[in-house]
Amino acid sequence: MNDHLTPEDETTMRGLRGALPPVPPPPDLGDRIAAAVAAEEDGGAPLAPVISLDSRRAHRRTVLASIAAAACAAAIAVGVTASLTGGGDDLGPLTASTAVVAQGGDGVSGTASLYAADRLGGAVEVALRDVPPPPSGHHYEVWVLEKGSAEMTSVGSFTPSSRDVDLTLPLPAPADYAAVDISVEPNGGPPTHSGTSLAGAKFA
């Protein structure tokens, strides 16, 4: 017991300790003491603003989260680009290549190329230039036609973000393909060719 306390004071303190729960000091107590000491040594004002340890930890977590989000976004962007472009040696031997011809008055042009079309894992590469935006509520769809067949098969769809479009799409099966067609389709429409084409290509 403190020698400066009277017996009545000691009784009162014991009563208070029993009635009040223990309260831990605030987490930034050390920072407050350091700030007070710095202010006193400097004549009343701290030399620099004091940032609590909790604030530094929260800032570090925010920075790390931002870096992780940016890295994730970059990985997604790379994945999307890789799925839409490419070609050449990565796709196997070139089976056939021909010019894309506009079906309307839009002036779209380009090339269509088949890679390893006679084996599993074949692909069609379509490079289009001067592609107009599709009508409102519509998108473009790419189709292939096997020789001897009257029914086209859809291999992908797209809505262009620029006038130049480069697509690499998997072929549905090994076959001898006669043509490629780019059609104009309504969003949410039936899974059949609309009968309206933007452009097309025929293989010899």
C-alpha atoms as a PDB file:
ATOM      1  CA  MET A   1       0.000   0.000   0.000  1.00  0.00           C
ATOM      2  CA  ASN A   2       1.035   3.600  -0.585  1.00  0.00           C
ATOM      3  CA  ASP A   3       2.279   5.225   2.637  1.00  0.00           C
ATOM      4  CA  HIS A   4       0.569   8.476   1.630  1.00  0.00           C
ATOM      5  CA  LEU A   5      -2.912   6.899   1.668  1.00  0.00           C
ATOM      6  CA  THR A   6      -5.011   6.924   4.794  1.00  0.00           C
ATOM      7  CA  PRO A   7      -6.849   3.750   5.858  1.00  0.00           C
ATOM      8  CA  GLU A   8     -10.057   5.346   4.603  1.00  0.00           C
ATOM      9  CA  ASP A   9      -8.412   5.997   1.213  1.00  0.00           C
ATOM     10  CA  GLU A  10      -7.196   2.400   0.994  1.00  0.00           C
ATOM     11  CA  THR A  11     -10.690   1.106   1.785  1.00  0.00           C
ATOM     12  CA  THR A  12     -12.160   3.347  -0.921  1.00  0.00           C
ATOM     13  CA  MET A  13      -9.559   2.172  -3.528  1.00  0.00           C
ATOM     14  CA  ARG A  14     -10.230  -1.495  -2.736  1.00  0.00           C
ATOM     15  CA  GLY A  15     -13.928  -0.868  -3.209  1.00  0.00           C
ATOM     16  CA  LEU A  16     -13.387   0.831  -6.539  1.00  0.00           C
ATOM     17  CA  ARG A  17     -11.135  -1.992  -7.830  1.00  0.00           C
ATOM     18  CA  GLY A  18     -13.776  -4.531  -6.934  1.00  0.00           C
ATOM     19  CA  ALA A  19     -16.631  -2.586  -8.547  1.00  0.00           C
ATOM     20  CA  LEU A  20     -14.975  -1.529 -11.806  1.00  0.00           C
ATOM     21  CA  PRO A  21     -13.717  -3.996 -14.413  1.00  0.00           C
ATOM     22  CA  PRO A  22     -10.072  -3.692 -15.546  1.00  0.00           C
ATOM     23  CA  VAL A  23      -9.741  -1.497 -18.647  1.00  0.00           C
ATOM     24  CA  PRO A  24      -6.739  -2.028 -20.945  1.00  0.00           C
ATOM     25  CA  PRO A  25      -4.824   1.081 -22.009  1.00  0.00           C
ATOM     26  CA  PRO A  26      -5.597   2.474 -25.490  1.00  0.00           C
ATOM     27  CA  PRO A  27      -3.445   0.938 -28.260  1.00  0.00           C
ATOM     28  CA  ASP A  28      -1.834   4.273 -29.151  1.00  0.00           C
ATOM     29  CA  LEU A  29      -0.870   5.158 -25.576  1.00  0.00           C
ATOM     30  CA  GLY A  30       2.832   4.706 -26.330  1.00  0.00           C
ATOM     31  CA  ASP A  31       2.567   7.010 -29.316  1.00  0.00           C
ATOM     32  CA  ARG A  32       0.813   9.657 -27.236  1.00  0.00           C
ATOM     33  CA  ILE A  33       3.573   9.539 -24.614  1.00  0.00           C
ATOM     34  CA  ALA A  34       6.264   9.795 -27.299  1.00  0.00           C
ATOM     35  CA  ALA A  35       4.454  12.754 -28.858  1.00  0.00           C
ATOM     36  CA  ALA A  36       4.161  14.506 -25.510  1.00  0.00           C
ATOM     37  CA  VAL A  37       7.874  13.994 -24.791  1.00  0.00           C
ATOM     38  CA  ALA A  38       8.841  15.273 -28.244  1.00  0.00           C
ATOM     39  CA  ALA A  39       6.607  18.305 -27.838  1.00  0.00           C
ATOM     40  CA  GLU A  40       8.109  19.123 -24.464  1.00  0.00           C
ATOM     41  CA  GLU A  41      11.717  18.742 -25.713  1.00  0.00           C
ATOM     42  CA  ASP A  42      11.004  20.903 -28.762  1.00  0.00           C
ATOM     43  CA  GLY A  43       9.415  23.674 -26.831  1.00  0.00           C
ATOM     44  CA  GLY A  44       5.807  22.693 -27.228  1.00  0.00           C
ATOM     45  CA  ALA A  45       5.464  21.203 -30.724  1.00  0.00           C
ATOM     46  CA  PRO A  46       6.495  17.730 -31.905  1.00  0.00           C
ATOM     47  CA  LEU A  47       9.194  17.591 -34.595  1.00  0.00           C
ATOM     48  CA  ALA A  48       7.002  15.486 -36.918  1.00  0.00           C
ATOM     49  CA  PRO A  49       3.462  14.118 -36.907  1.00  0.00           C
ATOM     50  CA  VAL A  50       3.189  10.885 -34.970  1.00  0.00           C
ATOM     51  CA  ILE A  51       1.453   8.024 -36.784  1.00  0.00           C
ATOM     52  CA  SER A  52       0.171   5.224 -34.614  1.00  0.00           C
ATOM     53  CA  LEU A  53       1.269   1.631 -35.197  1.00  0.00           C
ATOM     54  CA  ASP A  54      -2.327   0.673 -36.000  1.00  0.00           C
ATOM     55  CA  SER A  55      -2.471   3.362 -38.720  1.00  0.00           C
ATOM     56  CA  ARG A  56       0.792   2.141 -40.261  1.00  0.00           C
ATOM     57  CA  ARG A  57      -0.500  -1.450 -40.308  1.00  0.00           C
ATOM     58  CA  ALA A  58      -3.811  -0.377 -41.886  1.00  0.00           C
ATOM     59  CA  HIS A  59      -1.952   1.622 -44.574  1.00  0.00           C
ATOM     60  CA  ARG A  60       0.306  -1.372 -45.337  1.00  0.00           C
ATOM     61  CA  ARG A  61      -2.722  -3.654 -45.708  1.00  0.00           C
ATOM     62  CA  THR A  62      -4.349  -1.147 -48.093  1.00  0.00           C
ATOM     63  CA  VAL A  63      -1.215  -0.903 -50.248  1.00  0.00           C
ATOM     64  CA  LEU A  64      -0.810  -4.685 -50.421  1.00  0.00           C
ATOM     65  CA  ALA A  65      -4.472  -5.128 -51.358  1.00  0.00           C
ATOM     66  CA  SER A  66      -4.128  -2.548 -54.146  1.00  0.00           C
ATOM     67  CA  ILE A  67      -1.024  -4.293 -55.536  1.00  0.00           C
ATOM     68  CA  ALA A  68      -2.783  -7.673 -55.468  1.00  0.00           C
ATOM     69  CA  ALA A  69      -5.854  -6.263 -57.249  1.00  0.00           C
ATOM     70  CA  ALA A  70      -3.687  -4.665 -59.957  1.00  0.00           C
ATOM     71  CA  ALA A  71      -1.785  -7.923 -60.509  1.00  0.00           C
ATOM     72  CA  CYS A  72      -5.044  -9.861 -60.774  1.00  0.00           C
ATOM     73  CA  ALA A  73      -6.466  -7.377 -63.305  1.00  0.00           C
ATOM     74  CA  ALA A  74      -3.267  -7.605 -65.385  1.00  0.00           C
ATOM     75  CA  ALA A  75      -3.448 -11.421 -65.389  1.00  0.00           C
ATOM     76  CA  ILE A  76      -7.075 -11.324 -66.538  1.00  0.00           C
ATOM     77  CA  ALA A  77      -6.247  -8.870 -69.344  1.00  0.00           C
ATOM     78  CA  VAL A  78      -3.396 -11.095 -70.568  1.00  0.00           C
ATOM     79  CA  GLY A  79      -5.668 -14.149 -70.547  1.00  0.00           C
ATOM     80  CA  VAL A  80      -8.351 -12.420 -72.624  1.00  0.00           C
ATOM     81  CA  THR A  81      -5.802 -11.207 -75.190  1.00  0.00           C
ATOM     82  CA  ALA A  82      -4.248 -14.647 -75.516  1.00  0.00           C
ATOM     83  CA  SER A  83      -7.630 -16.236 -76.210  1.00  0.00           C
ATOM     84  CA  LEU A  84      -8.480 -13.798 -79.006  1.00  0.00           C
ATOM     85  CA  THR A  85      -5.170 -13.442 -80.806  1.00  0.00           C
ATOM     86  CA  GLY A  86      -2.241 -15.541 -81.855  1.00  0.00           C
ATOM     87  CA  GLY A  87      -1.791 -17.968 -84.691  1.00  0.00           C
ATOM     88  CA  GLY A  88       1.069 -19.084 -86.864  1.00  0.00           C
ATOM     89  CA  ASP A  89       3.376 -21.770 -85.477  1.00  0.00           C
ATOM     90  CA  ASP A  90       1.418 -22.064 -82.210  1.00  0.00           C
ATOM     91  CA  LEU A  91      -1.651 -23.356 -84.074  1.00  0.00           C
ATOM     92  CA  GLY A  92       0.012 -26.044 -86.154  1.00  0.00           C
ATOM     93  CA  PRO A  93       0.389 -26.249 -89.945  1.00  0.00           C
ATOM     94  CA  LEU A  94      -1.538 -23.860 -92.153  1.00  0.00           C
ATOM     95  CA  THR A  95      -4.308 -25.749 -93.974  1.00  0.00           C
ATOM     96  CA  ALA A  96      -5.746 -22.928 -96.084  1.00  0.00           C
ATOM     97  CA  SER A  97      -5.995 -19.141 -96.196  1.00  0.00           C
ATOM     98  CA  THR A  98      -8.199 -16.832 -98.226  1.00  0.00           C
ATOM     99  CA  ALA A  99      -9.528 -13.283 -98.362  1.00  0.00           C
ATOM    100  CA  VAL A 100     -12.588 -12.151 -96.444  1.00  0.00           C
ATOM    101  CA  VAL A 101     -15.111 -10.366 -98.653  1.00  0.00           C
ATOM    102  CA  ALA A 102     -17.737  -7.907 -97.417  1.00  0.00           C
ATOM    103  CA  GLN A 103     -21.340  -8.995 -97.953  1.00  0.00           C
ATOM    104  CA  GLY A 104     -22.797  -5.497 -97.634  1.00  0.00           C
ATOM    105  CA  GLY A 105     -21.680  -1.964 -98.312  1.00  0.00           C
ATOM    106  CA  ASP A 106     -19.566  -1.550 -95.164  1.00  0.00           C
ATOM    107  CA  GLY A 107     -16.207  -2.211 -96.834  1.00  0.00           C
ATOM    108  CA  VAL A 108     -14.956  -4.725 -94.236  1.00  0.00           C
ATOM    109  CA  SER A 109     -11.968  -6.778 -95.415  1.00  0.00           C
ATOM    110  CA  GLY A 110      -9.400  -9.214 -94.070  1.00  0.00           C
ATOM    111  CA  THR A 111      -8.286 -12.832 -94.175  1.00  0.00           C
ATOM    112  CA  ALA A 112      -9.495 -16.187 -92.866  1.00  0.00           C
ATOM    113  CA  SER A 113      -6.980 -18.978 -92.217  1.00  0.00           C
ATOM    114  CA  LEU A 114      -7.406 -22.611 -91.193  1.00  0.00           C
ATOM    115  CA  TYR A 115      -4.751 -24.313 -89.062  1.00  0.00           C
ATOM    116  CA  ALA A 116      -4.521 -28.093 -88.588  1.00  0.00           C
ATOM    117  CA  ALA A 117      -8.124 -28.410 -89.768  1.00  0.00           C
ATOM    118  CA  ASP A 118      -7.727 -32.149 -90.381  1.00  0.00           C
ATOM    119  CA  ARG A 119      -6.908 -32.986 -86.759  1.00  0.00           C
ATOM    120  CA  LEU A 120      -8.236 -32.397 -83.254  1.00  0.00           C
ATOM    121  CA  GLY A 121      -7.300 -29.007 -81.878  1.00  0.00           C
ATOM    122  CA  GLY A 122      -7.523 -27.224 -85.221  1.00  0.00           C
ATOM    123  CA  ALA A 123      -8.350 -23.519 -85.342  1.00  0.00           C
ATOM    124  CA  VAL A 124      -9.639 -20.783 -87.608  1.00  0.00           C
ATOM    125  CA  GLU A 125      -7.988 -17.392 -87.500  1.00  0.00           C
ATOM    126  CA  VAL A 126      -9.999 -14.400 -88.701  1.00  0.00           C
ATOM    127  CA  ALA A 127      -8.366 -10.983 -89.171  1.00  0.00           C
ATOM    128  CA  LEU A 128     -10.887  -8.254 -90.011  1.00  0.00           C
ATOM    129  CA  ARG A 129     -10.302  -4.607 -90.886  1.00  0.00           C
ATOM    130  CA  ASP A 130     -12.741  -1.675 -91.037  1.00  0.00           C
ATOM    131  CA  VAL A 131     -15.344  -3.544 -88.984  1.00  0.00           C
ATOM    132  CA  PRO A 132     -18.391  -1.325 -88.326  1.00  0.00           C
ATOM    133  CA  PRO A 133     -20.176  -1.381 -84.974  1.00  0.00           C
ATOM    134  CA  PRO A 134     -23.077  -3.852 -84.994  1.00  0.00           C
ATOM    135  CA  PRO A 135     -26.629  -2.487 -84.921  1.00  0.00           C
ATOM    136  CA  SER A 136     -27.992  -1.693 -81.481  1.00  0.00           C
ATOM    137  CA  GLY A 137     -28.938  -4.881 -79.642  1.00  0.00           C
ATOM    138  CA  HIS A 138     -26.854  -7.081 -81.964  1.00  0.00           C
ATOM    139  CA  HIS A 139     -23.435  -8.748 -82.116  1.00  0.00           C
ATOM    140  CA  TYR A 140     -21.328 -10.591 -84.675  1.00  0.00           C
ATOM    141  CA  GLU A 141     -20.958 -14.373 -84.842  1.00  0.00           C
ATOM    142  CA  VAL A 142     -18.376 -16.495 -86.675  1.00  0.00           C
ATOM    143  CA  TRP A 143     -19.489 -19.669 -88.475  1.00  0.00           C
ATOM    144  CA  VAL A 144     -17.709 -22.420 -90.400  1.00  0.00           C
ATOM    145  CA  LEU A 145     -19.161 -24.642 -93.123  1.00  0.00           C
ATOM    146  CA  GLU A 146     -17.926 -28.139 -93.909  1.00  0.00           C
ATOM    147  CA  LYS A 147     -17.744 -29.232 -97.537  1.00  0.00           C
ATOM    148  CA  GLY A 148     -20.835 -31.191 -98.516  1.00  0.00           C
ATOM    149  CA  SER A 149     -22.899 -29.727 -95.658  1.00  0.00           C
ATOM    150  CA  ALA A 150     -25.745 -27.218 -95.861  1.00  0.00           C
ATOM    151  CA  GLU A 151     -25.605 -26.247 -92.171  1.00  0.00           C
ATOM    152  CA  MET A 152     -23.063 -23.867 -90.643  1.00  0.00           C
ATOM    153  CA  THR A 153     -21.578 -24.328 -87.167  1.00  0.00           C
ATOM    154  CA  SER A 154     -20.975 -21.393 -84.817  1.00  0.00           C
ATOM    155  CA  VAL A 155     -17.448 -21.183 -83.404  1.00  0.00           C
ATOM    156  CA  GLY A 156     -17.591 -17.842 -81.560  1.00  0.00           C
ATOM    157  CA  SER A 157     -19.150 -14.407 -81.235  1.00  0.00           C
ATOM    158  CA  PHE A 158     -17.825 -10.908 -80.609  1.00  0.00           C
ATOM    159  CA  THR A 159     -18.727  -7.247 -80.253  1.00  0.00           C
ATOM    160  CA  PRO A 160     -15.841  -5.143 -81.625  1.00  0.00           C
ATOM    161  CA  SER A 161     -14.253  -2.407 -79.555  1.00  0.00           C
ATOM    162  CA  SER A 162     -12.301  -1.068 -82.544  1.00  0.00           C
ATOM    163  CA  ARG A 163     -12.327  -1.235 -86.344  1.00  0.00           C
ATOM    164  CA  ASP A 164      -9.677  -3.986 -86.348  1.00  0.00           C
ATOM    165  CA  VAL A 165     -10.578  -7.422 -84.994  1.00  0.00           C
ATOM    166  CA  ASP A 166      -8.281 -10.469 -84.730  1.00  0.00           C
ATOM    167  CA  LEU A 167      -9.813 -13.754 -83.582  1.00  0.00           C
ATOM    168  CA  THR A 168      -8.416 -17.245 -83.121  1.00  0.00           C
ATOM    169  CA  LEU A 169     -11.222 -19.742 -82.556  1.00  0.00           C
ATOM    170  CA  PRO A 170     -11.228 -23.538 -82.146  1.00  0.00           C
ATOM    171  CA  LEU A 171     -12.725 -25.627 -84.945  1.00  0.00           C
ATOM    172  CA  PRO A 172     -15.544 -27.943 -83.849  1.00  0.00           C
ATOM    173  CA  ALA A 173     -14.007 -31.097 -85.371  1.00  0.00           C
ATOM    174  CA  PRO A 174     -11.432 -32.306 -87.906  1.00  0.00           C
ATOM    175  CA  ALA A 175     -12.966 -31.711 -91.339  1.00  0.00           C
ATOM    176  CA  ASP A 176     -12.568 -30.258 -94.810  1.00  0.00           C
ATOM    177  CA  TYR A 177     -13.998 -26.766 -94.443  1.00  0.00           C
ATOM    178  CA  ALA A 178     -15.451 -24.849 -97.361  1.00  0.00           C
ATOM    179  CA  ALA A 179     -16.220 -21.429 -95.916  1.00  0.00           C
ATOM    180  CA  VAL A 180     -16.247 -18.979 -93.023  1.00  0.00           C
ATOM    181  CA  ASP A 181     -19.080 -16.528 -92.417  1.00  0.00           C
ATOM    182  CA  ILE A 182     -19.482 -13.557 -90.052  1.00  0.00           C
ATOM    183  CA  SER A 183     -23.158 -12.956 -89.357  1.00  0.00           C
ATOM    184  CA  VAL A 184     -25.153 -10.234 -87.604  1.00  0.00           C
ATOM    185  CA  GLU A 185     -27.129 -11.729 -84.723  1.00  0.00           C
ATOM    186  CA  PRO A 186     -29.627 -10.282 -82.225  1.00  0.00           C
ATOM    187  CA  ASN A 187     -28.510 -10.431 -78.599  1.00  0.00           C
ATOM    188  CA  GLY A 188     -30.304 -13.286 -76.879  1.00  0.00           C
ATOM    189  CA  GLY A 189     -31.632 -14.590 -80.202  1.00  0.00           C
ATOM    190  CA  PRO A 190     -32.004 -18.220 -81.326  1.00  0.00           C
ATOM    191  CA  PRO A 191     -28.819 -20.309 -81.846  1.00  0.00           C
ATOM    192  CA  THR A 192     -29.235 -20.334 -85.612  1.00  0.00           C
ATOM    193  CA  HIS A 193     -27.817 -18.191 -88.404  1.00  0.00           C
ATOM    194  CA  SER A 194     -29.864 -15.028 -88.807  1.00  0.00           C
ATOM    195  CA  GLY A 195     -29.465 -14.986 -92.578  1.00  0.00           C
ATOM    196  CA  THR A 196     -27.707 -11.601 -92.459  1.00  0.00           C
ATOM    197  CA  SER A 197     -23.944 -11.648 -93.055  1.00  0.00           C
ATOM    198  CA  LEU A 198     -21.337  -8.946 -92.557  1.00  0.00           C
ATOM    199  CA  ALA A 199     -18.617 -10.763 -94.501  1.00  0.00           C
ATOM    200  CA  GLY A 200     -17.497 -14.206 -95.588  1.00  0.00           C
ATOM    201  CA  ALA A 201     -14.663 -16.269 -97.074  1.00  0.00           C
ATOM    202  CA  LYS A 202     -14.559 -19.384 -99.281  1.00  0.00           C
ATOM    203  CA  PHE A 203     -11.702 -21.876 -99.268  1.00  0.00           C
ATOM    204  CA  ALA A 204     -10.617 -23.478-102.544  1.00  0.00           C
END
